[in-house]
């Protein structure tokens, strides 16, 4: 009979430990889910920023070409005078 009582006590102890771990596991899962959501948001923002950066580089190049053309015209007009 003593062994049966000991087994029951051990089972109860293990159940208590599991119940104590469950909230931690739940909190951990929630934390992981939040971190995953934040990661996804940051990836979306990163893609958006990369797109904006590429557009700015393209616009910069176009403006640079226009400025060079204007400078060339100015030099040609100054030579004519």
C-alpha atoms as a PDB file:
ATOM      1  CA  UNK A   1       0.000   0.000   0.000  1.00  0.00           C
ATOM      2  CA  UNK A   2       2.843   2.350   0.710  1.00  0.00           C
ATOM      3  CA  UNK A   3       4.040   2.218  -2.877  1.00  0.00           C
ATOM      4  CA  UNK A   4       0.595   3.063  -4.179  1.00  0.00           C
ATOM      5  CA  UNK A   5       0.472   6.094  -1.915  1.00  0.00           C
ATOM      6  CA  UNK A   6       3.979   7.127  -3.021  1.00  0.00           C
ATOM      7  CA  UNK A   7       3.025   6.782  -6.686  1.00  0.00           C
ATOM      8  CA  UNK A   8      -0.076   8.880  -6.160  1.00  0.00           C
ATOM      9  CA  UNK A   9       1.961  11.535  -4.363  1.00  0.00           C
ATOM     10  CA  UNK A  10       4.548  11.575  -7.159  1.00  0.00           C
ATOM     11  CA  UNK A  11       1.792  11.898  -9.756  1.00  0.00           C
ATOM     12  CA  UNK A  12       0.240  14.784  -7.846  1.00  0.00           C
ATOM     13  CA  UNK A  13       3.637  16.478  -7.573  1.00  0.00           C
ATOM     14  CA  UNK A  14       4.214  16.095 -11.299  1.00  0.00           C
ATOM     15  CA  UNK A  15       0.731  17.439 -12.056  1.00  0.00           C
ATOM     16  CA  UNK A  16       1.400  20.473  -9.882  1.00  0.00           C
ATOM     17  CA  UNK A  17       4.680  21.103 -11.689  1.00  0.00           C
ATOM     18  CA  UNK A  18       2.940  20.789 -15.052  1.00  0.00           C
ATOM     19  CA  UNK A  19       0.270  23.225 -13.953  1.00  0.00           C
ATOM     20  CA  UNK A  20       2.982  25.643 -12.910  1.00  0.00           C
ATOM     21  CA  UNK A  21       4.724  25.251 -16.267  1.00  0.00           C
ATOM     22  CA  UNK A  22       1.567  25.727 -18.320  1.00  0.00           C
ATOM     23  CA  UNK A  23       1.198  29.474 -17.684  1.00  0.00           C
ATOM     24  CA  UNK A  24       4.865  29.950 -18.493  1.00  0.00           C
ATOM     25  CA  UNK A  25       4.480  27.973 -21.687  1.00  0.00           C
ATOM     26  CA  UNK A  26       1.403  29.997 -22.558  1.00  0.00           C
ATOM     27  CA  UNK A  27       3.267  33.248 -21.906  1.00  0.00           C
ATOM     28  CA  UNK A  28       6.202  31.967 -23.910  1.00  0.00           C
ATOM     29  CA  UNK A  29       3.948  31.071 -26.838  1.00  0.00           C
ATOM     30  CA  UNK A  30       2.334  34.501 -26.682  1.00  0.00           C
ATOM     31  CA  UNK A  31       5.745  36.160 -26.590  1.00  0.00           C
ATOM     32  CA  UNK A  32       6.894  34.104 -29.565  1.00  0.00           C
ATOM     33  CA  UNK A  33       3.717  34.986 -31.468  1.00  0.00           C
ATOM     34  CA  UNK A  34       4.252  38.690 -30.705  1.00  0.00           C
ATOM     35  CA  UNK A  35       7.873  38.510 -31.816  1.00  0.00           C
ATOM     36  CA  UNK A  36       6.850  36.731 -35.005  1.00  0.00           C
ATOM     37  CA  UNK A  37       4.264  39.436 -35.716  1.00  0.00           C
ATOM     38  CA  UNK A  38       6.838  42.176 -35.078  1.00  0.00           C
ATOM     39  CA  UNK A  39       9.311  40.384 -37.347  1.00  0.00           C
ATOM     40  CA  UNK A  40       6.733  40.258 -40.139  1.00  0.00           C
ATOM     41  CA  UNK A  41       5.950  43.951 -39.679  1.00  0.00           C
ATOM     42  CA  UNK A  42       9.647  44.827 -39.812  1.00  0.00           C
ATOM     43  CA  UNK A  43      10.089  42.771 -42.983  1.00  0.00           C
ATOM     44  CA  UNK A  44       7.175  44.631 -44.586  1.00  0.00           C
ATOM     45  CA  UNK A  45       8.677  47.974 -43.546  1.00  0.00           C
ATOM     46  CA  UNK A  46      12.084  46.882 -44.845  1.00  0.00           C
ATOM     47  CA  UNK A  47      10.644  46.000 -48.258  1.00  0.00           C
ATOM     48  CA  UNK A  48       8.828  49.334 -48.358  1.00  0.00           C
ATOM     49  CA  UNK A  49      12.003  51.225 -47.466  1.00  0.00           C
ATOM     50  CA  UNK A  50      14.007  49.304 -50.059  1.00  0.00           C
ATOM     51  CA  UNK A  51      11.433  50.189 -52.719  1.00  0.00           C
ATOM     52  CA  UNK A  52      11.511  53.846 -51.715  1.00  0.00           C
ATOM     53  CA  UNK A  53      15.306  53.825 -51.752  1.00  0.00           C
ATOM     54  CA  UNK A  54      15.396  52.329 -55.257  1.00  0.00           C
ATOM     55  CA  UNK A  55      12.893  54.935 -56.453  1.00  0.00           C
ATOM     56  CA  UNK A  56      14.976  57.728 -54.932  1.00  0.00           C
ATOM     57  CA  UNK A  57      18.114  56.406 -56.610  1.00  0.00           C
ATOM     58  CA  UNK A  58      16.304  56.292 -59.936  1.00  0.00           C
ATOM     59  CA  UNK A  59      14.964  59.816 -59.450  1.00  0.00           C
ATOM     60  CA  UNK A  60      18.421  61.037 -58.435  1.00  0.00           C
ATOM     61  CA  UNK A  61      19.934  59.567 -61.576  1.00  0.00           C
ATOM     62  CA  UNK A  62      17.259  61.163 -63.769  1.00  0.00           C
ATOM     63  CA  UNK A  63      17.775  64.564 -62.150  1.00  0.00           C
ATOM     64  CA  UNK A  64      21.526  64.226 -62.525  1.00  0.00           C
ATOM     65  CA  UNK A  65      21.132  63.517 -66.242  1.00  0.00           C
ATOM     66  CA  UNK A  66      18.806  66.523 -66.641  1.00  0.00           C
ATOM     67  CA  UNK A  67      21.261  68.754 -64.815  1.00  0.00           C
ATOM     68  CA  UNK A  68      24.118  67.594 -67.030  1.00  0.00           C
ATOM     69  CA  UNK A  69      22.044  68.346 -70.131  1.00  0.00           C
ATOM     70  CA  UNK A  70      21.192  71.806 -68.820  1.00  0.00           C
ATOM     71  CA  UNK A  71      24.839  72.472 -68.042  1.00  0.00           C
ATOM     72  CA  UNK A  72      25.849  71.361 -71.524  1.00  0.00           C
ATOM     73  CA  UNK A  73      23.248  73.669 -73.068  1.00  0.00           C
ATOM     74  CA  UNK A  74      24.496  76.509 -70.926  1.00  0.00           C
ATOM     75  CA  UNK A  75      28.089  75.903 -71.997  1.00  0.00           C
ATOM     76  CA  UNK A  76      27.059  75.761 -75.670  1.00  0.00           C
ATOM     77  CA  UNK A  77      25.039  78.967 -75.372  1.00  0.00           C
ATOM     78  CA  UNK A  78      27.912  80.733 -73.638  1.00  0.00           C
ATOM     79  CA  UNK A  79      30.270  79.703 -76.429  1.00  0.00           C
ATOM     80  CA  UNK A  80      27.890  81.136 -79.021  1.00  0.00           C
ATOM     81  CA  UNK A  81      27.951  84.494 -77.333  1.00  0.00           C
END
